[in-house]
N, C-alpha and C. Protein backbone atom coordinates (compact mmCIF):
# COMPACT_ATOMS: atom_id res chain seq x y z
N UNK A 1 127.33 45.65 95.27
CA UNK A 1 128.15 46.82 95.02
C UNK A 1 129.24 46.46 94.00
N UNK A 2 129.39 47.29 93.00
CA UNK A 2 130.40 47.08 91.97
C UNK A 2 131.73 47.67 92.45
N UNK A 3 132.79 46.87 92.33
CA UNK A 3 134.11 47.32 92.77
C UNK A 3 134.55 48.54 91.96
N UNK A 4 135.13 49.52 92.62
CA UNK A 4 135.61 50.71 91.91
C UNK A 4 136.61 50.38 90.80
N UNK A 5 137.42 49.34 90.98
CA UNK A 5 138.38 48.97 89.94
C UNK A 5 137.69 48.54 88.64
N UNK A 6 136.52 47.93 88.74
CA UNK A 6 135.78 47.54 87.55
C UNK A 6 135.33 48.77 86.77
N UNK A 7 134.85 49.76 87.50
CA UNK A 7 134.42 51.01 86.87
C UNK A 7 135.62 51.71 86.25
N UNK A 8 136.71 51.75 86.98
CA UNK A 8 137.93 52.41 86.46
C UNK A 8 138.47 51.68 85.24
N UNK A 9 138.36 50.36 85.23
CA UNK A 9 138.82 49.58 84.08
C UNK A 9 138.05 49.99 82.82
N UNK A 10 136.75 50.10 82.94
CA UNK A 10 135.94 50.50 81.79
C UNK A 10 136.22 51.95 81.41
N UNK A 11 136.35 52.82 82.39
CA UNK A 11 136.64 54.22 82.12
C UNK A 11 137.93 54.35 81.30
N UNK A 12 138.98 53.64 81.71
CA UNK A 12 140.25 53.73 80.98
C UNK A 12 140.14 53.08 79.60
N UNK A 13 139.30 52.06 79.45
CA UNK A 13 139.07 51.43 78.14
C UNK A 13 138.42 52.44 77.20
N UNK A 14 137.39 53.12 77.68
CA UNK A 14 136.66 54.08 76.85
C UNK A 14 137.54 55.28 76.51
N UNK A 15 138.36 55.69 77.42
CA UNK A 15 139.23 56.84 77.20
C UNK A 15 140.53 56.47 76.47
N UNK A 16 140.68 55.20 76.11
CA UNK A 16 141.87 54.70 75.39
C UNK A 16 143.16 54.97 76.17
N UNK A 17 143.07 54.88 77.48
CA UNK A 17 144.25 55.01 78.36
C UNK A 17 144.78 53.59 78.58
N UNK A 18 145.50 53.10 77.59
CA UNK A 18 145.89 51.68 77.56
C UNK A 18 146.82 51.30 78.70
N UNK A 19 147.74 52.18 79.09
CA UNK A 19 148.66 51.84 80.17
C UNK A 19 147.89 51.65 81.48
N UNK A 20 147.01 52.59 81.79
CA UNK A 20 146.21 52.48 83.01
C UNK A 20 145.28 51.27 82.93
N UNK A 21 144.71 51.03 81.75
CA UNK A 21 143.81 49.90 81.57
C UNK A 21 144.53 48.58 81.83
N UNK A 22 145.73 48.44 81.30
CA UNK A 22 146.50 47.21 81.53
C UNK A 22 146.86 47.04 83.00
N UNK A 23 147.22 48.14 83.66
CA UNK A 23 147.57 48.09 85.07
C UNK A 23 146.37 47.66 85.92
N UNK A 24 145.23 48.24 85.65
CA UNK A 24 144.02 47.87 86.39
C UNK A 24 143.63 46.43 86.07
N UNK A 25 143.75 46.05 84.81
CA UNK A 25 143.45 44.67 84.41
C UNK A 25 144.33 43.67 85.14
N UNK A 26 145.61 43.99 85.30
CA UNK A 26 146.52 43.10 86.03
C UNK A 26 146.11 43.00 87.50
N UNK A 27 145.73 44.13 88.07
CA UNK A 27 145.29 44.12 89.48
C UNK A 27 144.01 43.29 89.62
N UNK A 28 143.09 43.42 88.67
CA UNK A 28 141.86 42.64 88.71
C UNK A 28 142.14 41.15 88.49
N UNK A 29 143.12 40.84 87.65
CA UNK A 29 143.52 39.44 87.46
C UNK A 29 143.95 38.83 88.79
N UNK A 30 144.65 39.60 89.60
CA UNK A 30 145.14 39.11 90.89
C UNK A 30 144.03 39.07 91.94
N UNK A 31 143.16 40.08 91.94
CA UNK A 31 142.13 40.19 92.97
C UNK A 31 140.82 39.50 92.60
N UNK A 32 140.56 39.39 91.33
CA UNK A 32 139.31 38.79 90.86
C UNK A 32 138.41 39.79 90.17
N UNK A 33 137.71 39.30 89.18
CA UNK A 33 136.82 40.12 88.36
C UNK A 33 135.37 39.98 88.81
N UNK A 34 135.16 39.65 90.08
CA UNK A 34 133.81 39.44 90.59
C UNK A 34 132.91 40.62 90.26
N UNK A 35 131.77 40.33 89.66
CA UNK A 35 130.80 41.36 89.32
C UNK A 35 130.97 41.96 87.94
N UNK A 36 132.08 41.65 87.26
CA UNK A 36 132.31 42.29 85.96
C UNK A 36 131.30 41.87 84.90
N UNK A 37 130.95 40.59 84.77
CA UNK A 37 129.95 40.24 83.75
C UNK A 37 128.62 40.98 83.95
N UNK A 38 128.22 41.10 85.18
CA UNK A 38 126.96 41.80 85.48
C UNK A 38 127.08 43.29 85.17
N UNK A 39 128.21 43.90 85.54
CA UNK A 39 128.45 45.31 85.25
C UNK A 39 128.53 45.55 83.75
N UNK A 40 129.24 44.69 83.04
CA UNK A 40 129.36 44.82 81.58
C UNK A 40 128.00 44.68 80.91
N UNK A 41 127.18 43.75 81.38
CA UNK A 41 125.83 43.59 80.81
C UNK A 41 125.00 44.86 81.05
N UNK A 42 125.12 45.44 82.23
CA UNK A 42 124.39 46.68 82.52
C UNK A 42 124.89 47.82 81.64
N UNK A 43 126.20 47.91 81.46
CA UNK A 43 126.77 48.93 80.58
C UNK A 43 126.28 48.74 79.15
N UNK A 44 126.23 47.50 78.70
CA UNK A 44 125.75 47.19 77.36
C UNK A 44 124.32 47.67 77.20
N UNK A 45 123.47 47.37 78.17
CA UNK A 45 122.08 47.81 78.12
C UNK A 45 122.01 49.34 78.04
N UNK A 46 122.75 50.03 78.90
CA UNK A 46 122.74 51.50 78.92
C UNK A 46 123.23 52.05 77.57
N UNK A 47 124.30 51.47 77.05
CA UNK A 47 124.87 51.94 75.78
C UNK A 47 123.91 51.71 74.62
N UNK A 48 123.35 50.51 74.54
CA UNK A 48 122.42 50.20 73.44
C UNK A 48 121.18 51.07 73.53
N UNK A 49 120.65 51.24 74.72
CA UNK A 49 119.48 52.09 74.89
C UNK A 49 119.80 53.53 74.49
N UNK A 50 120.97 54.00 74.86
CA UNK A 50 121.39 55.36 74.53
C UNK A 50 121.54 55.54 73.02
N UNK A 51 122.13 54.56 72.36
CA UNK A 51 122.42 54.66 70.92
C UNK A 51 121.19 54.39 70.05
N UNK A 52 120.40 53.40 70.42
CA UNK A 52 119.32 52.96 69.55
C UNK A 52 117.92 53.23 70.09
N UNK A 53 117.78 53.44 71.38
CA UNK A 53 116.45 53.62 71.96
C UNK A 53 115.67 52.32 71.90
N UNK A 54 114.37 52.43 71.94
CA UNK A 54 113.53 51.23 71.95
C UNK A 54 113.02 50.85 70.56
N UNK A 55 113.30 51.67 69.58
CA UNK A 55 112.71 51.43 68.26
C UNK A 55 113.75 51.46 67.15
N UNK A 56 114.90 50.88 67.37
CA UNK A 56 115.93 50.87 66.33
C UNK A 56 115.49 50.02 65.15
N UNK A 57 115.89 50.43 63.98
CA UNK A 57 115.60 49.61 62.81
C UNK A 57 116.78 48.69 62.53
N UNK A 58 116.49 47.59 61.91
CA UNK A 58 117.51 46.57 61.62
C UNK A 58 118.65 47.14 60.76
N UNK A 59 118.32 48.00 59.81
CA UNK A 59 119.33 48.58 58.94
C UNK A 59 120.33 49.42 59.75
N UNK A 60 119.83 50.20 60.69
CA UNK A 60 120.71 51.00 61.54
C UNK A 60 121.63 50.13 62.38
N UNK A 61 121.11 49.03 62.89
CA UNK A 61 121.92 48.09 63.67
C UNK A 61 122.97 47.44 62.78
N UNK A 62 122.60 47.03 61.58
CA UNK A 62 123.54 46.39 60.66
C UNK A 62 124.69 47.35 60.31
N UNK A 63 124.37 48.61 60.05
CA UNK A 63 125.41 49.59 59.74
C UNK A 63 126.34 49.79 60.94
N UNK A 64 125.75 49.91 62.12
CA UNK A 64 126.57 50.07 63.33
C UNK A 64 127.52 48.89 63.50
N UNK A 65 127.02 47.67 63.32
CA UNK A 65 127.83 46.47 63.49
C UNK A 65 128.95 46.43 62.45
N UNK A 66 128.66 46.81 61.22
CA UNK A 66 129.70 46.84 60.19
C UNK A 66 130.80 47.82 60.58
N UNK A 67 130.42 48.98 61.08
CA UNK A 67 131.41 49.96 61.54
C UNK A 67 132.22 49.42 62.71
N UNK A 68 131.54 48.78 63.65
CA UNK A 68 132.22 48.21 64.82
C UNK A 68 133.27 47.19 64.38
N UNK A 69 132.87 46.27 63.51
CA UNK A 69 133.78 45.21 63.08
C UNK A 69 134.96 45.78 62.30
N UNK A 70 134.76 46.84 61.54
CA UNK A 70 135.83 47.43 60.75
C UNK A 70 136.78 48.27 61.62
N UNK A 71 136.24 48.84 62.68
CA UNK A 71 136.98 49.81 63.48
C UNK A 71 137.87 49.20 64.55
N UNK A 72 137.46 48.09 65.15
CA UNK A 72 138.14 47.59 66.32
C UNK A 72 138.99 46.36 66.05
N UNK A 73 140.15 46.34 66.72
CA UNK A 73 141.01 45.16 66.67
C UNK A 73 140.22 43.98 67.20
N UNK A 74 140.21 42.90 66.46
CA UNK A 74 139.44 41.73 66.85
C UNK A 74 138.00 41.80 66.38
N UNK A 75 137.60 42.94 65.83
CA UNK A 75 136.23 43.09 65.35
C UNK A 75 135.83 42.06 64.31
N UNK A 76 136.71 41.80 63.33
CA UNK A 76 136.34 40.81 62.31
C UNK A 76 136.14 39.40 62.89
N UNK A 77 136.69 39.13 64.07
CA UNK A 77 136.53 37.82 64.69
C UNK A 77 135.15 37.65 65.32
N UNK A 78 134.44 38.76 65.45
CA UNK A 78 133.09 38.72 66.00
C UNK A 78 132.12 38.62 64.83
N UNK A 79 131.28 37.60 64.86
CA UNK A 79 130.32 37.41 63.77
C UNK A 79 129.26 38.51 63.80
N UNK A 80 129.05 39.10 62.64
CA UNK A 80 128.08 40.21 62.54
C UNK A 80 126.70 39.80 63.02
N UNK A 81 126.24 38.62 62.62
CA UNK A 81 124.89 38.22 63.03
C UNK A 81 124.77 38.03 64.53
N UNK A 82 125.87 37.65 65.21
CA UNK A 82 125.83 37.53 66.67
C UNK A 82 125.65 38.90 67.32
N UNK A 83 126.41 39.89 66.84
CA UNK A 83 126.30 41.24 67.40
C UNK A 83 124.91 41.80 67.13
N UNK A 84 124.45 41.65 65.91
CA UNK A 84 123.12 42.15 65.56
C UNK A 84 122.05 41.50 66.42
N UNK A 85 122.13 40.19 66.59
CA UNK A 85 121.13 39.48 67.40
C UNK A 85 121.13 39.96 68.84
N UNK A 86 122.32 40.15 69.41
CA UNK A 86 122.41 40.58 70.81
C UNK A 86 121.87 42.01 70.99
N UNK A 87 122.22 42.89 70.07
CA UNK A 87 121.71 44.26 70.15
C UNK A 87 120.19 44.28 69.98
N UNK A 88 119.70 43.58 68.97
CA UNK A 88 118.25 43.58 68.72
C UNK A 88 117.48 42.94 69.87
N UNK A 89 118.05 41.90 70.51
CA UNK A 89 117.39 41.27 71.66
C UNK A 89 117.40 42.20 72.87
N UNK A 90 118.37 43.09 72.95
CA UNK A 90 118.39 44.07 74.03
C UNK A 90 117.31 45.12 73.81
N UNK A 91 117.13 45.50 72.56
CA UNK A 91 116.10 46.48 72.22
C UNK A 91 114.70 45.87 72.37
N UNK A 92 114.56 44.63 71.92
CA UNK A 92 113.28 43.93 71.97
C UNK A 92 113.46 42.59 72.67
N UNK A 93 113.22 42.55 73.98
CA UNK A 93 113.44 41.32 74.76
C UNK A 93 112.66 40.10 74.29
N UNK A 94 111.68 40.27 73.43
CA UNK A 94 110.95 39.11 72.92
C UNK A 94 111.78 38.35 71.87
N UNK A 95 112.84 38.97 71.37
CA UNK A 95 113.71 38.30 70.40
C UNK A 95 114.70 37.41 71.13
N UNK A 96 115.11 36.35 70.48
CA UNK A 96 116.04 35.39 71.06
C UNK A 96 117.39 35.50 70.36
N UNK A 97 118.42 35.00 71.02
CA UNK A 97 119.74 34.94 70.41
C UNK A 97 120.44 33.69 70.92
N UNK A 98 121.38 33.21 70.12
CA UNK A 98 122.17 32.03 70.49
C UNK A 98 123.64 32.38 70.32
N UNK A 99 124.21 32.96 71.36
CA UNK A 99 125.59 33.41 71.34
C UNK A 99 126.27 32.85 72.59
N UNK A 100 127.49 32.33 72.43
CA UNK A 100 128.20 31.76 73.58
C UNK A 100 128.48 32.85 74.62
N UNK A 101 128.54 32.48 75.90
CA UNK A 101 128.82 33.47 76.94
C UNK A 101 130.13 34.22 76.71
N UNK A 102 131.15 33.54 76.23
CA UNK A 102 132.44 34.20 75.97
C UNK A 102 132.27 35.26 74.89
N UNK A 103 131.53 34.92 73.84
CA UNK A 103 131.32 35.87 72.75
C UNK A 103 130.41 37.01 73.19
N UNK A 104 129.45 36.74 74.07
CA UNK A 104 128.59 37.80 74.59
C UNK A 104 129.45 38.87 75.26
N UNK A 105 130.40 38.46 76.07
CA UNK A 105 131.28 39.42 76.75
C UNK A 105 132.10 40.24 75.77
N UNK A 106 132.65 39.60 74.74
CA UNK A 106 133.43 40.33 73.73
C UNK A 106 132.55 41.32 72.98
N UNK A 107 131.35 40.89 72.63
CA UNK A 107 130.42 41.77 71.92
C UNK A 107 130.03 42.96 72.80
N UNK A 108 129.72 42.67 74.05
CA UNK A 108 129.32 43.74 74.96
C UNK A 108 130.44 44.77 75.13
N UNK A 109 131.66 44.30 75.35
CA UNK A 109 132.79 45.22 75.55
C UNK A 109 133.04 46.07 74.30
N UNK A 110 133.05 45.45 73.14
CA UNK A 110 133.30 46.19 71.90
C UNK A 110 132.18 47.20 71.63
N UNK A 111 130.95 46.80 71.88
CA UNK A 111 129.80 47.68 71.64
C UNK A 111 129.83 48.88 72.58
N UNK A 112 130.06 48.62 73.86
CA UNK A 112 130.14 49.71 74.85
C UNK A 112 131.24 50.68 74.46
N UNK A 113 132.41 50.14 74.13
CA UNK A 113 133.53 51.02 73.78
C UNK A 113 133.19 51.86 72.55
N UNK A 114 132.61 51.27 71.54
CA UNK A 114 132.29 52.02 70.32
C UNK A 114 131.23 53.09 70.58
N UNK A 115 130.16 52.72 71.24
CA UNK A 115 129.09 53.70 71.47
C UNK A 115 129.58 54.86 72.31
N UNK A 116 130.25 54.57 73.40
CA UNK A 116 130.69 55.65 74.29
C UNK A 116 131.84 56.45 73.69
N UNK A 117 132.68 55.83 72.88
CA UNK A 117 133.77 56.55 72.23
C UNK A 117 133.24 57.42 71.11
N UNK A 118 132.32 56.89 70.31
CA UNK A 118 131.74 57.67 69.21
C UNK A 118 131.05 58.94 69.70
N UNK A 119 130.51 58.88 70.88
CA UNK A 119 129.79 60.04 71.41
C UNK A 119 130.71 61.13 71.96
N UNK A 120 131.99 60.83 72.11
CA UNK A 120 132.94 61.76 72.72
C UNK A 120 132.32 62.41 73.97
N UNK A 121 132.01 61.56 74.91
CA UNK A 121 131.37 61.99 76.15
C UNK A 121 132.31 62.86 76.99
N UNK A 122 131.74 63.83 77.67
CA UNK A 122 132.51 64.57 78.65
C UNK A 122 132.77 63.66 79.84
N UNK A 123 133.69 64.05 80.69
CA UNK A 123 133.97 63.24 81.89
C UNK A 123 132.72 63.13 82.76
N UNK A 124 131.97 64.20 82.86
CA UNK A 124 130.75 64.19 83.69
C UNK A 124 129.72 63.24 83.10
N UNK A 125 129.54 63.28 81.78
CA UNK A 125 128.59 62.38 81.13
C UNK A 125 129.00 60.92 81.30
N UNK A 126 130.29 60.64 81.11
CA UNK A 126 130.78 59.28 81.27
C UNK A 126 130.59 58.80 82.69
N UNK A 127 130.90 59.63 83.67
CA UNK A 127 130.72 59.26 85.07
C UNK A 127 129.26 58.92 85.36
N UNK A 128 128.34 59.71 84.81
CA UNK A 128 126.92 59.46 85.03
C UNK A 128 126.49 58.12 84.43
N UNK A 129 126.98 57.80 83.23
CA UNK A 129 126.63 56.53 82.60
C UNK A 129 127.23 55.35 83.35
N UNK A 130 128.46 55.48 83.80
CA UNK A 130 129.10 54.41 84.58
C UNK A 130 128.36 54.20 85.90
N UNK A 131 127.96 55.30 86.53
CA UNK A 131 127.21 55.20 87.80
C UNK A 131 125.84 54.55 87.57
N UNK A 132 125.19 54.91 86.47
CA UNK A 132 123.89 54.32 86.16
C UNK A 132 124.02 52.80 85.96
N UNK A 133 125.05 52.39 85.22
CA UNK A 133 125.26 50.95 84.99
C UNK A 133 125.63 50.25 86.30
N UNK A 134 126.45 50.87 87.12
CA UNK A 134 126.83 50.26 88.40
C UNK A 134 125.59 50.08 89.28
N UNK A 135 124.69 51.06 89.24
CA UNK A 135 123.46 50.96 90.02
C UNK A 135 122.59 49.81 89.51
N UNK A 136 122.44 49.69 88.18
CA UNK A 136 121.70 48.56 87.60
C UNK A 136 122.31 47.24 88.02
N UNK A 137 123.63 47.15 87.91
CA UNK A 137 124.32 45.90 88.18
C UNK A 137 124.27 45.51 89.65
N UNK A 138 124.09 46.49 90.54
CA UNK A 138 124.07 46.23 91.98
C UNK A 138 122.70 45.80 92.49
N UNK A 139 121.69 45.91 91.65
CA UNK A 139 120.35 45.50 92.06
C UNK A 139 120.31 43.99 92.23
N UNK A 140 119.62 43.56 93.23
CA UNK A 140 119.49 42.12 93.50
C UNK A 140 118.32 41.54 92.74
């Protein structure tokens, strides 16, 4: 089961509610982020599948990554080829990638935020996507 605070943390991140996001982050720092990597990975899968489907072309991924790196604070610190490799490996599991676990988390968070923010999701749509990812992440 994914902790409700993890879901709320991502919700406030996507909605750019920075004060609430920092407050929840501080609470999670004290209580623990158990389950967050798994939840973030599930969110990344849902977001990438939603944005690119199963047949994304490399050019579309490259353009998306360029926009991501230009748009987000810390984006330039993320290597474009790492983001591209991770997205393409999510679309096609036969592909391999060599990205550090710390960088995987940064890439996943930035990608999720960009995809879900770009779509200007309604609250109902966002709730459904968060619930879908929480369900994926809760599977044993």
